[in-house]
Amino acid sequence: MKSENLDKLLLSVSEVCKILSISRGTYFVLKAAGRIGPKEIKFGVKIYLRKNEIYAWVDAGCPSKNKWHWEK
């Protein structure tokens, strides 16, 4: 099975911004304020987030970072 047929496990910040309908600048402002719950994964300078965690976080109502990690 080719990798392009597999569903992506990780999303880039740009892909997450498209899902959330926000700009990259807004993403980083929200992250600095503790409003982005899911943890980031860094590969060198690239930042990714787990796709399943993004969708679970949105389903939970986008709680703050502290609340999200406490609930998990």
N, C-alpha and C. Protein backbone atom coordinates (compact mmCIF):
# COMPACT_ATOMS: atom_id res chain seq x y z
N MET A 1 0.85 -1.18 0.00
CA MET A 1 0.00 0.00 0.00
C MET A 1 0.89 1.24 0.00
N LYS A 2 0.61 2.15 -0.87
CA LYS A 2 1.40 3.36 -0.97
C LYS A 2 1.07 4.32 0.16
N SER A 3 2.06 5.09 0.60
CA SER A 3 1.87 6.01 1.72
C SER A 3 0.85 7.09 1.42
N GLU A 4 0.70 7.50 0.15
CA GLU A 4 -0.27 8.55 -0.16
C GLU A 4 -1.70 8.07 0.03
N ASN A 5 -1.91 6.77 0.10
CA ASN A 5 -3.25 6.22 0.35
C ASN A 5 -3.57 6.16 1.85
N LEU A 6 -2.57 6.28 2.68
CA LEU A 6 -2.78 6.23 4.12
C LEU A 6 -3.22 7.59 4.63
N ASP A 7 -4.12 7.59 5.60
CA ASP A 7 -4.54 8.83 6.22
C ASP A 7 -3.38 9.39 7.02
N LYS A 8 -3.17 10.70 6.95
CA LYS A 8 -2.07 11.33 7.67
C LYS A 8 -2.30 11.26 9.18
N LEU A 9 -1.24 10.97 9.92
CA LEU A 9 -1.32 10.93 11.37
C LEU A 9 -0.96 12.28 11.98
N LEU A 10 -0.08 13.02 11.30
CA LEU A 10 0.37 14.32 11.79
C LEU A 10 -0.03 15.42 10.82
N LEU A 11 -0.35 16.57 11.38
CA LEU A 11 -0.71 17.74 10.58
C LEU A 11 0.27 18.87 10.86
N SER A 12 0.61 19.59 9.84
CA SER A 12 1.46 20.77 10.02
C SER A 12 0.62 21.88 10.66
N VAL A 13 1.29 22.91 11.15
CA VAL A 13 0.58 24.05 11.74
C VAL A 13 -0.34 24.68 10.68
N SER A 14 0.12 24.76 9.45
CA SER A 14 -0.71 25.33 8.38
C SER A 14 -1.98 24.52 8.17
N GLU A 15 -1.87 23.20 8.21
CA GLU A 15 -3.04 22.34 8.04
C GLU A 15 -4.00 22.48 9.22
N VAL A 16 -3.46 22.59 10.43
CA VAL A 16 -4.29 22.79 11.62
C VAL A 16 -5.01 24.13 11.51
N CYS A 17 -4.31 25.16 11.05
CA CYS A 17 -4.93 26.48 10.89
C CYS A 17 -6.09 26.42 9.91
N LYS A 18 -5.96 25.66 8.84
CA LYS A 18 -7.06 25.51 7.88
C LYS A 18 -8.26 24.84 8.54
N ILE A 19 -8.02 23.81 9.34
CA ILE A 19 -9.10 23.12 10.04
C ILE A 19 -9.82 24.07 11.00
N LEU A 20 -9.04 24.89 11.70
CA LEU A 20 -9.59 25.80 12.71
C LEU A 20 -10.07 27.12 12.11
N SER A 21 -9.81 27.34 10.84
CA SER A 21 -10.16 28.59 10.14
C SER A 21 -9.54 29.81 10.81
N ILE A 22 -8.24 29.69 11.12
CA ILE A 22 -7.49 30.80 11.71
C ILE A 22 -6.18 30.97 10.94
N SER A 23 -5.54 32.11 11.10
CA SER A 23 -4.25 32.35 10.46
C SER A 23 -3.13 31.74 11.32
N ARG A 24 -1.96 31.60 10.71
CA ARG A 24 -0.80 31.10 11.46
C ARG A 24 -0.46 32.05 12.61
N GLY A 25 -0.56 33.35 12.36
CA GLY A 25 -0.29 34.34 13.40
C GLY A 25 -1.23 34.17 14.58
N THR A 26 -2.51 33.97 14.30
CA THR A 26 -3.49 33.75 15.36
C THR A 26 -3.18 32.47 16.12
N TYR A 27 -2.77 31.43 15.41
CA TYR A 27 -2.40 30.16 16.06
C TYR A 27 -1.31 30.41 17.11
N PHE A 28 -0.27 31.12 16.73
CA PHE A 28 0.85 31.33 17.65
C PHE A 28 0.48 32.28 18.80
N VAL A 29 -0.42 33.22 18.56
CA VAL A 29 -0.91 34.08 19.65
C VAL A 29 -1.71 33.24 20.64
N LEU A 30 -2.60 32.39 20.11
CA LEU A 30 -3.40 31.51 20.98
C LEU A 30 -2.52 30.52 21.74
N LYS A 31 -1.52 30.00 21.07
CA LYS A 31 -0.59 29.07 21.72
C LYS A 31 0.14 29.75 22.87
N ALA A 32 0.64 30.96 22.64
CA ALA A 32 1.36 31.70 23.68
C ALA A 32 0.46 32.03 24.87
N ALA A 33 -0.84 32.18 24.60
CA ALA A 33 -1.80 32.48 25.67
C ALA A 33 -2.30 31.22 26.37
N GLY A 34 -1.83 30.04 25.93
CA GLY A 34 -2.25 28.79 26.56
C GLY A 34 -3.62 28.31 26.10
N ARG A 35 -4.07 28.79 24.94
CA ARG A 35 -5.41 28.45 24.45
C ARG A 35 -5.41 27.27 23.45
N ILE A 36 -4.23 26.82 23.02
CA ILE A 36 -4.13 25.66 22.14
C ILE A 36 -3.77 24.46 23.02
N GLY A 37 -4.68 23.50 23.10
CA GLY A 37 -4.51 22.37 24.01
C GLY A 37 -3.55 21.29 23.56
N PRO A 38 -3.67 20.80 22.32
CA PRO A 38 -2.84 19.68 21.89
C PRO A 38 -1.35 20.02 21.88
N LYS A 39 -0.54 19.03 22.23
CA LYS A 39 0.91 19.21 22.25
C LYS A 39 1.46 19.17 20.83
N GLU A 40 2.51 19.93 20.64
CA GLU A 40 3.20 19.95 19.35
C GLU A 40 4.32 18.91 19.35
N ILE A 41 4.62 18.43 18.15
CA ILE A 41 5.74 17.52 17.93
C ILE A 41 6.68 18.23 16.98
N LYS A 42 7.95 18.35 17.37
CA LYS A 42 8.92 19.05 16.54
C LYS A 42 9.89 18.07 15.89
N PHE A 43 10.07 18.25 14.58
CA PHE A 43 11.08 17.54 13.81
C PHE A 43 11.98 18.62 13.22
N GLY A 44 13.10 18.87 13.87
CA GLY A 44 13.96 19.97 13.44
C GLY A 44 13.23 21.28 13.67
N VAL A 45 13.02 22.03 12.60
CA VAL A 45 12.30 23.31 12.72
C VAL A 45 10.81 23.17 12.39
N LYS A 46 10.41 22.01 11.90
CA LYS A 46 9.01 21.76 11.54
C LYS A 46 8.20 21.40 12.78
N ILE A 47 6.97 21.90 12.84
CA ILE A 47 6.06 21.64 13.95
C ILE A 47 4.84 20.90 13.43
N TYR A 48 4.49 19.82 14.11
CA TYR A 48 3.32 19.02 13.74
C TYR A 48 2.45 18.79 14.96
N LEU A 49 1.19 18.44 14.71
CA LEU A 49 0.27 18.07 15.77
C LEU A 49 -0.43 16.79 15.34
N ARG A 50 -0.79 15.97 16.34
CA ARG A 50 -1.48 14.72 16.04
C ARG A 50 -2.90 15.01 15.55
N LYS A 51 -3.23 14.46 14.40
CA LYS A 51 -4.53 14.69 13.78
C LYS A 51 -5.67 14.27 14.71
N ASN A 52 -5.56 13.07 15.31
CA ASN A 52 -6.64 12.60 16.17
C ASN A 52 -6.80 13.48 17.41
N GLU A 53 -5.71 14.04 17.91
CA GLU A 53 -5.79 14.90 19.09
C GLU A 53 -6.44 16.24 18.73
N ILE A 54 -6.15 16.76 17.55
CA ILE A 54 -6.79 18.02 17.11
C ILE A 54 -8.30 17.85 17.06
N TYR A 55 -8.75 16.76 16.41
CA TYR A 55 -10.19 16.54 16.28
C TYR A 55 -10.85 16.27 17.64
N ALA A 56 -10.18 15.54 18.53
CA ALA A 56 -10.72 15.30 19.87
C ALA A 56 -10.81 16.61 20.66
N TRP A 57 -9.80 17.47 20.52
CA TRP A 57 -9.77 18.76 21.20
C TRP A 57 -10.91 19.65 20.72
N VAL A 58 -11.13 19.68 19.40
CA VAL A 58 -12.24 20.47 18.85
C VAL A 58 -13.57 19.90 19.34
N ASP A 59 -13.72 18.58 19.33
CA ASP A 59 -14.95 17.94 19.82
C ASP A 59 -15.22 18.27 21.29
N ALA A 60 -14.15 18.48 22.06
CA ALA A 60 -14.28 18.81 23.48
C ALA A 60 -14.55 20.30 23.71
N GLY A 61 -14.62 21.09 22.63
CA GLY A 61 -14.92 22.51 22.75
C GLY A 61 -13.70 23.41 22.81
N CYS A 62 -12.55 22.91 22.38
CA CYS A 62 -11.29 23.69 22.35
C CYS A 62 -10.91 24.24 23.73
N PRO A 63 -10.82 23.37 24.75
CA PRO A 63 -10.44 23.87 26.07
C PRO A 63 -9.00 24.39 26.09
N SER A 64 -8.69 25.19 27.11
CA SER A 64 -7.34 25.73 27.26
C SER A 64 -6.35 24.58 27.45
N LYS A 65 -5.08 24.90 27.29
CA LYS A 65 -4.01 23.90 27.41
C LYS A 65 -4.07 23.19 28.76
N ASN A 66 -4.17 23.97 29.84
CA ASN A 66 -4.19 23.36 31.18
C ASN A 66 -5.38 22.45 31.37
N LYS A 67 -6.55 22.88 30.95
CA LYS A 67 -7.76 22.06 31.11
C LYS A 67 -7.68 20.82 30.22
N TRP A 68 -7.18 20.96 29.01
CA TRP A 68 -7.08 19.84 28.09
C TRP A 68 -6.18 18.74 28.65
N HIS A 69 -5.03 19.13 29.19
CA HIS A 69 -4.09 18.12 29.71
C HIS A 69 -4.59 17.54 31.03
N TRP A 70 -5.37 18.29 31.78
CA TRP A 70 -5.94 17.78 33.02
C TRP A 70 -7.03 16.76 32.72
N GLU A 71 -7.87 17.03 31.71
CA GLU A 71 -8.97 16.14 31.35
C GLU A 71 -8.48 14.83 30.76
N LYS A 72 -7.35 14.88 30.08
CA LYS A 72 -6.81 13.66 29.46
C LYS A 72 -6.27 12.77 30.53
